[in-house]
Amino acid sequence: MALELVVLIKVVPDGKEVFVDPVNFTLNRSMATNVLNPADENALEAALRIKDEHDARITVMTMAPPFAEPFLLECMSRGADQAVLISDRAVAGSDTYPTSLTVAAAIKHLGKVDIVFAGEKTSDSSTGHVGPGVAEFLEAELASYSRSCRYEDGFVTAERVLEEGVEVVKIPTPAVVTVITDSNIPRRATLRKKLNAQKKGIIVWSLQDIGLPSDWVGLRSSPTVVKKMLPFPAIERKGKVIGLDMMDDFVKELVDTGIIRQGGN
């Protein structure tokens, strides 16, 4: 039986064009160019590499308005077999808790799933909550912050990047793996797969389709409350030109201020 893989993606605003609603402190996505979250591209590539080695089927999934459809088609053009868009007005304003709940419900609605891949975090909020949250709701094992993973005989072996070094874990499926940014080089789409993606189209599910009550999601059901936002203070930076004749004085200044330390063998 083929492995069933799910890759979670998110369409995020370009970091250079982020605007915040001054009333409810949520991102105003209508004013920014949308892009595929960078870490999610690495998550897709990690799933595709397992598909290269095993008989596997990849479903790419996101919770978003219809504007996400081209990005799902792009993922199918790179090798995903089908795409699911969870789109419902009731989910608007959801924080990571109802988002994880909704995505987990959609994954359960798919049926048998062996491995769920997600990016380590998204560039718009950087919480890193959704992958672990989905694992919790699915009651699945989790390997977070992974730079590589492989599958063999019902187990996933992943290399996790930690502050102290690299940890290698072996967990049984079903499993959730979150993939760090720049851990691999995502492959490009092909023309043939682009045409196939257009023919297949996108599966669109509402909350009713996945059996989730509307009062469990959305802004009102989100425990995160942003009470105030302040602009980050600008840092005044100064520069100066250092000539060769000033180099000795400049090095002494760096040593005196503690920027560099003098010594060594």
Protein backbone atom coordinates (compact mmCIF):
# COMPACT_ATOMS: atom_id res chain seq x y z
CA MET A 1 0.00 0.00 0.00
CA ALA A 2 1.31 3.44 -0.95
CA LEU A 3 2.46 5.87 1.70
CA GLU A 4 0.04 8.74 2.21
CA LEU A 5 1.88 12.04 2.74
CA VAL A 6 0.35 15.44 3.51
CA VAL A 7 2.23 18.72 3.12
CA LEU A 8 0.82 21.78 4.88
CA ILE A 9 1.48 25.09 3.20
CA LYS A 10 0.55 28.68 3.89
CA VAL A 11 0.31 31.67 1.60
CA VAL A 12 1.96 34.61 3.37
CA PRO A 13 2.37 38.29 2.55
CA ASP A 14 5.70 39.43 1.20
CA GLY A 15 7.71 40.60 4.20
CA LYS A 16 8.43 43.91 2.50
CA GLU A 17 4.72 44.72 2.18
CA VAL A 18 3.25 43.81 5.57
CA PHE A 19 0.53 46.09 6.91
CA VAL A 20 -1.28 45.70 10.23
CA ASP A 21 -4.93 46.58 10.78
CA PRO A 22 -4.83 49.36 13.42
CA VAL A 23 -8.17 48.27 14.92
CA ASN A 24 -7.89 44.49 15.49
CA PHE A 25 -4.10 44.16 15.05
CA THR A 26 -4.34 41.47 12.35
CA LEU A 27 -2.43 41.46 9.07
CA ASN A 28 -4.12 43.21 6.18
CA ARG A 29 -3.27 40.69 3.49
CA SER A 30 -5.17 42.54 0.78
CA MET A 31 -2.44 45.19 0.65
CA ALA A 32 0.52 42.83 0.15
CA THR A 33 1.85 40.55 -2.57
CA ASN A 34 1.32 36.92 -1.61
CA VAL A 35 4.09 34.32 -1.71
CA LEU A 36 4.47 30.69 -0.66
CA ASN A 37 5.92 30.46 2.84
CA PRO A 38 9.64 29.64 2.35
CA ALA A 39 9.88 26.82 4.91
CA ASP A 40 6.85 25.14 3.34
CA GLU A 41 8.74 24.84 0.07
CA ASN A 42 11.40 22.88 1.97
CA ALA A 43 8.68 20.74 3.56
CA LEU A 44 7.28 19.91 0.12
CA GLU A 45 10.72 18.98 -1.15
CA ALA A 46 11.27 16.71 1.87
CA ALA A 47 8.04 14.88 1.04
CA LEU A 48 8.95 14.67 -2.65
CA ARG A 49 12.29 13.07 -1.78
CA ILE A 50 10.49 10.34 0.15
CA LYS A 51 8.18 9.90 -2.84
CA ASP A 52 11.27 9.53 -5.06
CA GLU A 53 12.33 6.51 -2.99
CA HIS A 54 9.00 4.93 -2.06
CA ASP A 55 5.56 4.33 -3.49
CA ALA A 56 3.87 7.43 -2.08
CA ARG A 57 1.04 9.86 -2.74
CA ILE A 58 1.29 13.52 -1.71
CA THR A 59 -1.63 15.75 -0.79
CA VAL A 60 -0.80 19.43 -0.34
CA MET A 61 -3.20 21.30 1.96
CA THR A 62 -3.88 24.80 3.20
CA MET A 63 -6.56 26.76 5.07
CA ALA A 64 -7.10 30.02 3.20
CA PRO A 65 -9.41 32.06 0.98
CA PRO A 66 -9.62 31.14 -2.73
CA PHE A 67 -6.57 33.30 -3.58
CA ALA A 68 -4.42 30.36 -2.42
CA GLU A 69 -5.46 28.17 -5.36
CA PRO A 70 -2.57 29.19 -7.68
CA PHE A 71 -0.07 28.28 -4.95
CA LEU A 72 -1.64 24.85 -4.52
CA LEU A 73 -1.44 24.34 -8.27
CA GLU A 74 2.23 25.35 -8.11
CA CYS A 75 2.87 22.64 -5.51
CA MET A 76 1.15 20.09 -7.73
CA SER A 77 3.33 21.30 -10.60
CA ARG A 78 6.36 20.32 -8.52
CA GLY A 79 5.12 16.81 -7.87
CA ALA A 80 2.22 16.74 -5.37
CA ASP A 81 -0.60 14.45 -6.49
CA GLN A 82 -3.59 16.43 -5.26
CA ALA A 83 -4.42 19.65 -3.41
CA VAL A 84 -7.00 20.45 -0.75
CA LEU A 85 -8.15 23.98 0.07
CA ILE A 86 -10.02 24.46 3.35
CA SER A 87 -11.98 27.63 2.69
CA ASP A 88 -14.74 28.94 4.92
CA ARG A 89 -15.59 32.46 6.07
CA ALA A 90 -15.98 31.19 9.62
CA VAL A 91 -12.23 30.53 9.98
CA ALA A 92 -11.29 34.18 9.38
CA GLY A 93 -9.11 35.53 12.19
CA SER A 94 -8.20 32.10 13.56
CA ASP A 95 -4.98 31.94 15.53
CA THR A 96 -2.77 28.86 15.66
CA TYR A 97 -5.08 26.86 17.95
CA PRO A 98 -8.23 26.73 15.76
CA THR A 99 -6.00 26.59 12.68
CA SER A 100 -4.33 23.42 13.98
CA LEU A 101 -7.72 22.02 14.95
CA THR A 102 -9.17 22.68 11.49
CA VAL A 103 -6.20 21.30 9.59
CA ALA A 104 -6.15 18.16 11.76
CA ALA A 105 -9.86 17.63 11.10
CA ALA A 106 -9.23 17.92 7.36
CA ILE A 107 -6.37 15.42 7.55
CA LYS A 108 -8.63 12.98 9.41
CA HIS A 109 -11.25 13.50 6.70
CA LEU A 110 -8.69 12.39 4.12
CA GLY A 111 -8.42 9.00 5.79
CA LYS A 112 -5.17 7.10 6.23
CA VAL A 113 -2.17 9.44 6.48
CA ASP A 114 1.35 8.25 7.30
CA ILE A 115 3.44 11.44 7.46
CA VAL A 116 2.43 15.10 7.66
CA PHE A 117 5.07 17.66 6.65
CA ALA A 118 5.03 21.35 7.52
CA GLY A 119 7.48 24.24 7.57
CA GLU A 120 9.14 24.99 10.90
CA LYS A 121 7.28 28.31 11.04
CA THR A 122 5.66 30.91 8.81
CA SER A 123 7.24 34.22 7.90
CA ASP A 124 4.16 36.25 8.87
CA SER A 125 3.82 35.10 12.49
CA SER A 126 6.87 32.89 13.20
CA THR A 127 5.16 30.99 16.03
CA GLY A 128 5.99 27.46 14.87
CA HIS A 129 2.77 26.31 16.59
CA VAL A 130 0.72 24.73 13.81
CA GLY A 131 2.87 21.70 13.07
CA PRO A 132 3.08 20.62 16.74
CA GLY A 133 -0.59 21.55 17.20
CA VAL A 134 -1.63 19.28 14.33
CA ALA A 135 0.48 16.48 15.81
CA GLU A 136 -1.33 16.90 19.13
CA PHE A 137 -4.82 16.82 17.59
CA LEU A 138 -3.88 13.80 15.47
CA GLU A 139 -2.23 12.11 18.47
CA ALA A 140 0.79 11.55 16.22
CA GLU A 141 4.52 11.52 16.93
CA LEU A 142 6.40 14.76 16.20
CA ALA A 143 9.88 15.53 14.87
CA SER A 144 10.22 19.32 14.85
CA TYR A 145 12.98 21.52 13.36
CA SER A 146 14.17 18.73 11.06
CA ARG A 147 16.86 19.30 8.47
CA SER A 148 16.43 15.87 6.88
CA CYS A 149 14.31 12.77 7.24
CA ARG A 150 13.88 9.34 5.73
CA TYR A 151 11.28 6.59 5.91
CA GLU A 152 11.81 2.88 6.40
CA ASP A 153 9.52 0.05 7.56
CA GLY A 154 6.95 2.22 9.31
CA PHE A 155 9.42 4.60 10.97
CA VAL A 156 10.65 8.10 10.23
CA THR A 157 14.25 8.96 11.12
CA ALA A 158 14.85 12.70 11.32
CA GLU A 159 17.77 14.96 12.14
CA ARG A 160 16.57 17.77 14.42
CA VAL A 161 18.57 21.00 14.65
CA LEU A 162 18.74 22.14 18.27
CA GLU A 163 20.61 24.93 20.02
CA GLU A 164 23.11 22.44 21.44
CA GLY A 165 23.64 20.49 18.22
CA VAL A 166 21.83 17.90 16.09
CA GLU A 167 19.56 15.21 17.53
CA VAL A 168 18.63 12.09 15.54
CA VAL A 169 15.20 10.66 16.38
CA LYS A 170 13.34 7.60 15.11
CA ILE A 171 9.56 7.75 15.45
CA PRO A 172 6.74 5.51 14.24
CA THR A 173 4.10 6.61 11.78
CA PRO A 174 1.70 8.32 11.77
CA ALA A 175 4.10 11.19 12.32
CA VAL A 176 4.36 14.93 11.85
CA VAL A 177 7.66 16.42 10.66
CA THR A 178 8.37 20.15 10.62
CA VAL A 179 11.18 21.15 8.28
CA ILE A 180 13.59 24.04 8.76
CA THR A 181 14.09 26.75 6.18
CA ASP A 182 16.87 26.22 3.61
CA SER A 183 17.33 22.57 4.63
CA ASN A 184 17.17 21.53 0.97
CA ILE A 185 16.85 22.97 -2.52
CA PRO A 186 13.20 22.88 -3.67
CA ARG A 187 12.72 21.51 -7.16
CA ARG A 188 11.15 23.50 -9.97
CA ALA A 189 7.79 22.91 -11.57
CA THR A 190 7.62 21.21 -14.96
CA LEU A 191 5.38 22.09 -17.87
CA ARG A 192 3.82 18.63 -18.01
CA LYS A 193 2.99 18.70 -14.31
CA LYS A 194 1.57 22.20 -14.65
CA LEU A 195 -0.82 20.96 -17.32
CA ASN A 196 -1.75 17.93 -15.21
CA ALA A 197 -2.37 20.16 -12.19
CA GLN A 198 -4.76 22.34 -14.19
CA LYS A 199 -6.65 19.24 -15.34
CA LYS A 200 -6.94 17.80 -11.83
CA GLY A 201 -7.99 21.06 -10.21
CA ILE A 202 -8.31 21.69 -6.48
CA ILE A 203 -10.47 19.98 -3.88
CA VAL A 204 -12.30 22.63 -1.81
CA TRP A 205 -13.73 21.75 1.61
CA SER A 206 -15.82 23.85 3.97
CA LEU A 207 -16.07 23.30 7.72
CA GLN A 208 -19.26 21.35 7.11
CA ASP A 209 -17.40 19.00 4.76
CA ILE A 210 -14.85 18.10 7.45
CA GLY A 211 -17.41 17.98 10.26
CA LEU A 212 -16.14 20.89 12.31
CA PRO A 213 -18.54 23.31 14.08
CA SER A 214 -18.11 26.93 13.00
CA ASP A 215 -18.14 28.18 16.60
CA TRP A 216 -14.90 26.27 17.27
CA VAL A 217 -12.87 28.48 14.95
CA GLY A 218 -12.38 32.10 13.99
CA LEU A 219 -11.29 35.16 15.90
CA ARG A 220 -13.71 34.63 18.80
CA SER A 221 -12.46 31.09 19.40
CA SER A 222 -8.80 32.12 19.30
CA PRO A 223 -7.13 32.36 22.73
CA THR A 224 -4.45 34.74 21.45
CA VAL A 225 -5.34 38.38 22.12
CA VAL A 226 -3.19 41.25 20.83
CA LYS A 227 -3.95 44.26 23.01
CA LYS A 228 -1.39 46.69 21.68
CA MET A 229 1.29 47.05 19.01
CA LEU A 230 4.08 49.59 18.95
CA PRO A 231 6.48 50.44 16.13
CA PHE A 232 10.03 49.17 16.55
CA PRO A 233 12.28 52.15 17.33
CA ALA A 234 14.60 53.12 14.51
CA ILE A 235 18.31 52.73 15.23
CA GLU A 236 20.52 55.58 14.17
CA ARG A 237 23.57 54.26 12.36
CA LYS A 238 26.72 56.20 11.52
CA GLY A 239 29.65 55.30 9.35
CA LYS A 240 33.10 56.67 8.75
CA VAL A 241 35.84 56.14 6.20
CA ILE A 242 39.04 54.55 7.53
CA GLY A 243 42.24 55.16 5.58
CA LEU A 244 45.33 52.94 5.78
CA ASP A 245 47.15 55.58 7.79
CA MET A 246 44.35 55.41 10.42
CA MET A 247 44.27 51.62 10.74
CA ASP A 248 46.40 51.39 13.92
CA ASP A 249 44.19 53.89 15.75
CA PHE A 250 41.06 52.16 14.45
CA VAL A 251 42.16 48.73 15.73
CA LYS A 252 43.05 50.26 19.11
CA GLU A 253 39.57 51.81 19.25
CA LEU A 254 37.94 48.42 18.55
CA VAL A 255 40.01 46.80 21.29
CA ASP A 256 39.30 49.58 23.78
CA THR A 257 35.55 49.39 23.20
CA GLY A 258 35.55 45.59 23.49
CA ILE A 259 34.39 44.93 19.93
CA ILE A 260 37.45 42.78 19.36
CA ARG A 261 39.86 41.24 21.82
CA GLN A 262 43.62 41.41 21.62
CA GLY A 263 45.71 38.35 22.25
CA GLY A 264 46.42 34.85 20.94
CA ASN A 265 49.52 32.85 20.17
